[in-house]
Structure formats: structure tokens, C-alpha cells
Amino acid sequence: MMGKIYYLFMFLLCMFMGSNVKAQSLPYVLNPASGYGKINDQLYDFSIGELTVVQTFQAGNNTLTQGFLQPFLIIQTSADVAIVNNIITPNADGKNDFFLIKGLEKYPNNKLTIFDRGGRLIFSTSNYQNNWDGYFNGKPLSEDTYYYMLDLGMDGSIKGFISVLYKK
């Protein structure tokens, strides 16, 4: 949940005849179109989308249920790293021979994992040093697309793909 700033604007208008209800004490459930929700002040991870807010409570002898659809905005803060190349050509020509990520020196506790199309682990290391060359167990991988996840700790993670190609 770190790295996300939530802006959730809710406007609630209640009108009761002869009864007062303190809005701060009302239970509520937030049901986002995707992602998780918020139940009675417990905030869970949301996805960008729309939010349905439903409240049901007693005011004297009356039960009030109301709901509305409210768009909301999530701003994802991004780590200060840049994927230099997502295509590597490990042929020792000095160009695109390694998967390069700029700015990793600011995240010494980073962890990089790379998977093949079938989800099998191809490469995993902590404190990545821009040294993955498209090899697995000392042998060159086949030309294909591979998927990576770069964990930056408290600053979140970055996911993407890498294509391994061999120039002929």
C-alpha cells in the first residue's frame, strides 16, 4: 500500500425529520469496481475506477439506506528508476547485451526476478547490478519474451517484459 496516495472525495447529504445522526459514527462499505474496499475505516488497496458507496443506518424509527457511484483517483508514485532497454541481444557486441536499469543505486535492497512465459523462475537476485545477460544455468535462453518484477522495497515494484533476441 506504500507508494499510493488515495484521494477519495465523498459527499453525503442526509435529511431526517426529528432525528439527528452524527455522520462520523456511521458505518459504511465501499465497493470499488475492481480491487479491494474500505470497511469502517480500514483502508484496503483500490484499483483506479469507480466506487459505489452504500450506507444503511437507523435514525429513530427510520432506516435510511442510500448509495451513489463516485469516481475516485489514485495517484501512483513511481520510483526513480528507468528501464533502459527491454530488448536484449546477448551476442557480446557491446550493445544491449545486458538488461539495464538506471537509478538502482538508490535502492540497494532491490530484488529482481525474471520468469519465462510459463511462469518458471529464470533469474533471481538481490541488489541487481545490471548484469543479467539472457542466460539461464550458463546457457543462452531461446528468443522469446520474459517477464520481470523489480521489488524496490518500501517504494513499490515495477513489472514488465524483456525480449531476448539474437542478431543474425
C-alpha atoms as a PDB file:
ATOM      1  CA  MET A   1       0.000   0.000   0.000  1.00  0.00           C
ATOM      2  CA  MET A   2       3.040   2.250   0.277  1.00  0.00           C
ATOM      3  CA  GLY A   3       3.612   4.449  -2.701  1.00  0.00           C
ATOM      4  CA  LYS A   4      -0.037   5.124  -3.269  1.00  0.00           C
ATOM      5  CA  ILE A   5      -1.823   8.269  -2.296  1.00  0.00           C
ATOM      6  CA  TYR A   6      -5.545   7.960  -2.054  1.00  0.00           C
ATOM      7  CA  TYR A   7      -7.838  10.816  -2.808  1.00  0.00           C
ATOM      8  CA  LEU A   8     -11.361   9.832  -2.005  1.00  0.00           C
ATOM      9  CA  PHE A   9     -13.936  12.533  -2.002  1.00  0.00           C
ATOM     10  CA  MET A  10     -17.299  11.599  -0.602  1.00  0.00           C
ATOM     11  CA  PHE A  11     -20.166  13.927  -0.192  1.00  0.00           C
ATOM     12  CA  LEU A  12     -23.077  12.799   1.893  1.00  0.00           C
ATOM     13  CA  LEU A  13     -26.317  14.631   2.370  1.00  0.00           C
ATOM     14  CA  CYS A  14     -28.699  13.229   4.957  1.00  0.00           C
ATOM     15  CA  MET A  15     -32.057  14.656   5.878  1.00  0.00           C
ATOM     16  CA  PHE A  16     -34.026  13.407   8.835  1.00  0.00           C
ATOM     17  CA  MET A  17     -37.281  14.618  10.271  1.00  0.00           C
ATOM     18  CA  GLY A  18     -36.986  14.957  14.028  1.00  0.00           C
ATOM     19  CA  SER A  19     -33.772  12.906  14.313  1.00  0.00           C
ATOM     20  CA  ASN A  20     -30.102  13.754  14.322  1.00  0.00           C
ATOM     21  CA  VAL A  21     -27.346  11.334  13.379  1.00  0.00           C
ATOM     22  CA  LYS A  22     -23.634  12.030  13.694  1.00  0.00           C
ATOM     23  CA  ALA A  23     -22.085  11.236  10.314  1.00  0.00           C
ATOM     24  CA  GLN A  24     -18.714  10.403  11.890  1.00  0.00           C
ATOM     25  CA  SER A  25     -20.173   7.370  13.647  1.00  0.00           C
ATOM     26  CA  LEU A  26     -21.927   5.861  10.641  1.00  0.00           C
ATOM     27  CA  PRO A  27     -20.736   2.504   9.302  1.00  0.00           C
ATOM     28  CA  TYR A  28     -20.041   2.360   5.599  1.00  0.00           C
ATOM     29  CA  VAL A  29     -18.824  -0.074   2.975  1.00  0.00           C
ATOM     30  CA  LEU A  30     -17.013   0.940  -0.179  1.00  0.00           C
ATOM     31  CA  ASN A  31     -17.243  -1.447  -3.104  1.00  0.00           C
ATOM     32  CA  PRO A  32     -14.829  -0.496  -5.884  1.00  0.00           C
ATOM     33  CA  ALA A  33     -15.411  -1.711  -9.427  1.00  0.00           C
ATOM     34  CA  SER A  34     -12.174  -3.665  -9.042  1.00  0.00           C
ATOM     35  CA  GLY A  35      -9.599  -4.070  -6.305  1.00  0.00           C
ATOM     36  CA  TYR A  36     -10.481  -4.146  -2.625  1.00  0.00           C
ATOM     37  CA  GLY A  37     -12.572  -1.915  -0.407  1.00  0.00           C
ATOM     38  CA  LYS A  38     -12.843   0.059   2.781  1.00  0.00           C
ATOM     39  CA  ILE A  39     -14.936  -1.140   5.690  1.00  0.00           C
ATOM     40  CA  ASN A  40     -15.394   1.014   8.765  1.00  0.00           C
ATOM     41  CA  ASP A  41     -12.168   2.998   8.472  1.00  0.00           C
ATOM     42  CA  GLN A  42      -9.971   0.055   7.387  1.00  0.00           C
ATOM     43  CA  LEU A  43      -8.425   1.052   4.055  1.00  0.00           C
ATOM     44  CA  TYR A  44      -7.583  -1.653   1.566  1.00  0.00           C
ATOM     45  CA  ASP A  45      -5.880  -1.441  -1.816  1.00  0.00           C
ATOM     46  CA  PHE A  46      -8.024   0.100  -4.572  1.00  0.00           C
ATOM     47  CA  SER A  47      -7.682  -0.003  -8.310  1.00  0.00           C
ATOM     48  CA  ILE A  48      -8.406   3.003 -10.479  1.00  0.00           C
ATOM     49  CA  GLY A  49     -12.091   3.029 -11.294  1.00  0.00           C
ATOM     50  CA  GLU A  50     -15.417   3.874  -9.790  1.00  0.00           C
ATOM     51  CA  LEU A  51     -16.684   3.355  -6.307  1.00  0.00           C
ATOM     52  CA  THR A  52     -20.134   2.513  -5.020  1.00  0.00           C
ATOM     53  CA  VAL A  53     -20.816   3.882  -1.552  1.00  0.00           C
ATOM     54  CA  VAL A  54     -23.733   2.394   0.366  1.00  0.00           C
ATOM     55  CA  GLN A  55     -24.789   3.408   3.863  1.00  0.00           C
ATOM     56  CA  THR A  56     -27.535   1.897   5.954  1.00  0.00           C
ATOM     57  CA  PHE A  57     -28.304   3.152   9.443  1.00  0.00           C
ATOM     58  CA  GLN A  58     -31.086   3.807  11.909  1.00  0.00           C
ATOM     59  CA  ALA A  59     -32.354   7.292  12.732  1.00  0.00           C
ATOM     60  CA  GLY A  60     -35.020   6.960  15.341  1.00  0.00           C
ATOM     61  CA  ASN A  61     -37.706   4.650  13.941  1.00  0.00           C
ATOM     62  CA  ASN A  62     -36.468   5.200  10.388  1.00  0.00           C
ATOM     63  CA  THR A  63     -33.947   3.155   8.429  1.00  0.00           C
ATOM     64  CA  LEU A  64     -32.041   5.062   5.798  1.00  0.00           C
ATOM     65  CA  THR A  65     -30.176   3.338   3.001  1.00  0.00           C
ATOM     66  CA  GLN A  66     -28.511   5.402   0.362  1.00  0.00           C
ATOM     67  CA  GLY A  67     -25.859   4.836  -2.213  1.00  0.00           C
ATOM     68  CA  PHE A  68     -24.169   6.593  -5.061  1.00  0.00           C
ATOM     69  CA  LEU A  69     -21.475   5.993  -7.619  1.00  0.00           C
ATOM     70  CA  GLN A  70     -18.436   8.174  -7.071  1.00  0.00           C
ATOM     71  CA  PRO A  71     -15.381   8.243  -9.348  1.00  0.00           C
ATOM     72  CA  PHE A  72     -12.106   8.403  -7.481  1.00  0.00           C
ATOM     73  CA  LEU A  73      -8.492   8.961  -8.355  1.00  0.00           C
ATOM     74  CA  ILE A  74      -5.445   7.070  -7.219  1.00  0.00           C
ATOM     75  CA  ILE A  75      -2.068   8.622  -7.834  1.00  0.00           C
ATOM     76  CA  GLN A  76       0.697   6.066  -8.010  1.00  0.00           C
ATOM     77  CA  THR A  77       4.035   7.491  -7.045  1.00  0.00           C
ATOM     78  CA  SER A  78       6.763   5.932  -9.099  1.00  0.00           C
ATOM     79  CA  ALA A  79      10.236   5.038  -8.052  1.00  0.00           C
ATOM     80  CA  ASP A  80      13.093   6.991  -9.532  1.00  0.00           C
ATOM     81  CA  VAL A  81      14.383   4.183 -11.756  1.00  0.00           C
ATOM     82  CA  ALA A  82      14.270   3.789 -15.516  1.00  0.00           C
ATOM     83  CA  ILE A  83      14.293   0.629 -17.591  1.00  0.00           C
ATOM     84  CA  VAL A  84      16.914   1.414 -20.222  1.00  0.00           C
ATOM     85  CA  ASN A  85      16.188  -1.474 -22.547  1.00  0.00           C
ATOM     86  CA  ASN A  86      13.533  -4.143 -22.578  1.00  0.00           C
ATOM     87  CA  ILE A  87      15.131  -5.865 -25.567  1.00  0.00           C
ATOM     88  CA  ILE A  88      18.447  -7.549 -25.023  1.00  0.00           C
ATOM     89  CA  THR A  89      20.657  -9.076 -27.695  1.00  0.00           C
ATOM     90  CA  PRO A  90      23.254 -11.095 -25.773  1.00  0.00           C
ATOM     91  CA  ASN A  91      25.780 -11.528 -28.579  1.00  0.00           C
ATOM     92  CA  ALA A  92      28.788  -9.775 -26.977  1.00  0.00           C
ATOM     93  CA  ASP A  93      28.764  -6.852 -29.427  1.00  0.00           C
ATOM     94  CA  GLY A  94      28.607  -4.330 -26.566  1.00  0.00           C
ATOM     95  CA  LYS A  95      25.093  -3.181 -27.465  1.00  0.00           C
ATOM     96  CA  ASN A  96      22.070  -4.304 -25.443  1.00  0.00           C
ATOM     97  CA  ASP A  97      23.965  -7.292 -24.058  1.00  0.00           C
ATOM     98  CA  PHE A  98      22.504  -6.808 -20.566  1.00  0.00           C
ATOM     99  CA  PHE A  99      19.160  -5.850 -19.038  1.00  0.00           C
ATOM    100  CA  LEU A 100      19.884  -2.322 -17.780  1.00  0.00           C
ATOM    101  CA  ILE A 101      18.007  -0.355 -15.127  1.00  0.00           C
ATOM    102  CA  LYS A 102      19.143   3.182 -14.275  1.00  0.00           C
ATOM    103  CA  GLY A 103      18.850   4.507 -10.740  1.00  0.00           C
ATOM    104  CA  LEU A 104      19.200   1.209  -8.861  1.00  0.00           C
ATOM    105  CA  GLU A 105      22.000   2.627  -6.716  1.00  0.00           C
ATOM    106  CA  LYS A 106      19.253   4.443  -4.765  1.00  0.00           C
ATOM    107  CA  TYR A 107      17.643   1.076  -3.944  1.00  0.00           C
ATOM    108  CA  PRO A 108      20.418  -1.260  -2.722  1.00  0.00           C
ATOM    109  CA  ASN A 109      17.860  -3.684  -1.272  1.00  0.00           C
ATOM    110  CA  ASN A 110      16.153  -4.215  -4.634  1.00  0.00           C
ATOM    111  CA  LYS A 111      15.239  -7.686  -5.811  1.00  0.00           C
ATOM    112  CA  LEU A 112      14.885  -8.645  -9.479  1.00  0.00           C
ATOM    113  CA  THR A 113      13.093 -11.798 -10.571  1.00  0.00           C
ATOM    114  CA  ILE A 114      12.637 -12.899 -14.179  1.00  0.00           C
ATOM    115  CA  PHE A 115      10.190 -15.561 -15.340  1.00  0.00           C
ATOM    116  CA  ASP A 116       9.578 -17.302 -18.631  1.00  0.00           C
ATOM    117  CA  ARG A 117       6.240 -17.409 -20.403  1.00  0.00           C
ATOM    118  CA  GLY A 118       5.227 -20.482 -18.387  1.00  0.00           C
ATOM    119  CA  GLY A 119       5.922 -18.756 -15.062  1.00  0.00           C
ATOM    120  CA  ARG A 120       9.143 -20.647 -14.333  1.00  0.00           C
ATOM    121  CA  LEU A 121      11.848 -18.734 -12.491  1.00  0.00           C
ATOM    122  CA  ILE A 122      14.731 -17.890 -14.831  1.00  0.00           C
ATOM    123  CA  PHE A 123      16.735 -15.403 -12.774  1.00  0.00           C
ATOM    124  CA  SER A 124      16.558 -14.004  -9.268  1.00  0.00           C
ATOM    125  CA  THR A 125      18.936 -11.762  -7.384  1.00  0.00           C
ATOM    126  CA  SER A 126      19.047  -9.159  -4.661  1.00  0.00           C
ATOM    127  CA  ASN A 127      20.868  -5.853  -5.224  1.00  0.00           C
ATOM    128  CA  TYR A 128      20.767  -6.252  -9.021  1.00  0.00           C
ATOM    129  CA  GLN A 129      23.917  -4.909 -10.703  1.00  0.00           C
ATOM    130  CA  ASN A 130      22.730  -4.648 -14.348  1.00  0.00           C
ATOM    131  CA  ASN A 131      24.384  -7.961 -15.162  1.00  0.00           C
ATOM    132  CA  TRP A 132      21.634 -10.267 -16.481  1.00  0.00           C
ATOM    133  CA  ASP A 133      22.663 -11.320 -19.956  1.00  0.00           C
ATOM    134  CA  GLY A 134      19.809 -13.558 -21.105  1.00  0.00           C
ATOM    135  CA  TYR A 135      21.419 -16.764 -19.898  1.00  0.00           C
ATOM    136  CA  PHE A 136      19.931 -19.488 -17.692  1.00  0.00           C
ATOM    137  CA  ASN A 137      22.233 -22.006 -15.979  1.00  0.00           C
ATOM    138  CA  GLY A 138      25.100 -20.898 -18.227  1.00  0.00           C
ATOM    139  CA  LYS A 139      23.176 -21.421 -21.470  1.00  0.00           C
ATOM    140  CA  PRO A 140      21.575 -18.775 -23.692  1.00  0.00           C
ATOM    141  CA  LEU A 141      17.808 -18.586 -23.467  1.00  0.00           C
ATOM    142  CA  SER A 142      15.739 -19.024 -26.599  1.00  0.00           C
ATOM    143  CA  GLU A 143      14.404 -15.954 -28.373  1.00  0.00           C
ATOM    144  CA  ASP A 144      11.216 -15.144 -26.510  1.00  0.00           C
ATOM    145  CA  THR A 145       9.547 -12.708 -24.162  1.00  0.00           C
ATOM    146  CA  TYR A 146      10.331 -12.956 -20.466  1.00  0.00           C
ATOM    147  CA  TYR A 147       8.674 -11.153 -17.569  1.00  0.00           C
ATOM    148  CA  TYR A 148      10.361  -9.327 -14.735  1.00  0.00           C
ATOM    149  CA  MET A 149       9.402  -7.946 -11.358  1.00  0.00           C
ATOM    150  CA  LEU A 150      11.687  -5.432  -9.705  1.00  0.00           C
ATOM    151  CA  ASP A 151      10.912  -5.101  -5.991  1.00  0.00           C
ATOM    152  CA  LEU A 152      12.119  -1.773  -4.591  1.00  0.00           C
ATOM    153  CA  GLY A 153      11.002  -2.423  -1.028  1.00  0.00           C
ATOM    154  CA  MET A 154       9.027   0.442   0.504  1.00  0.00           C
ATOM    155  CA  ASP A 155       8.960   2.243  -2.857  1.00  0.00           C
ATOM    156  CA  GLY A 156       6.868  -0.437  -4.553  1.00  0.00           C
ATOM    157  CA  SER A 157       7.628  -2.632  -7.509  1.00  0.00           C
ATOM    158  CA  ILE A 158       7.938  -2.363 -11.259  1.00  0.00           C
ATOM    159  CA  LYS A 159       6.751  -5.109 -13.604  1.00  0.00           C
ATOM    160  CA  GLY A 160       7.287  -5.515 -17.302  1.00  0.00           C
ATOM    161  CA  PHE A 161       8.694  -7.682 -20.043  1.00  0.00           C
ATOM    162  CA  ILE A 162      12.055  -8.289 -21.668  1.00  0.00           C
ATOM    163  CA  SER A 163      12.532  -9.692 -25.150  1.00  0.00           C
ATOM    164  CA  VAL A 164      15.635 -11.756 -25.810  1.00  0.00           C
ATOM    165  CA  LEU A 165      16.708 -11.584 -29.459  1.00  0.00           C
ATOM    166  CA  TYR A 166      19.790 -12.781 -31.294  1.00  0.00           C
ATOM    167  CA  LYS A 167      21.008 -10.754 -34.248  1.00  0.00           C
ATOM    168  CA  LYS A 168      21.800 -12.946 -37.206  1.00  0.00           C
END
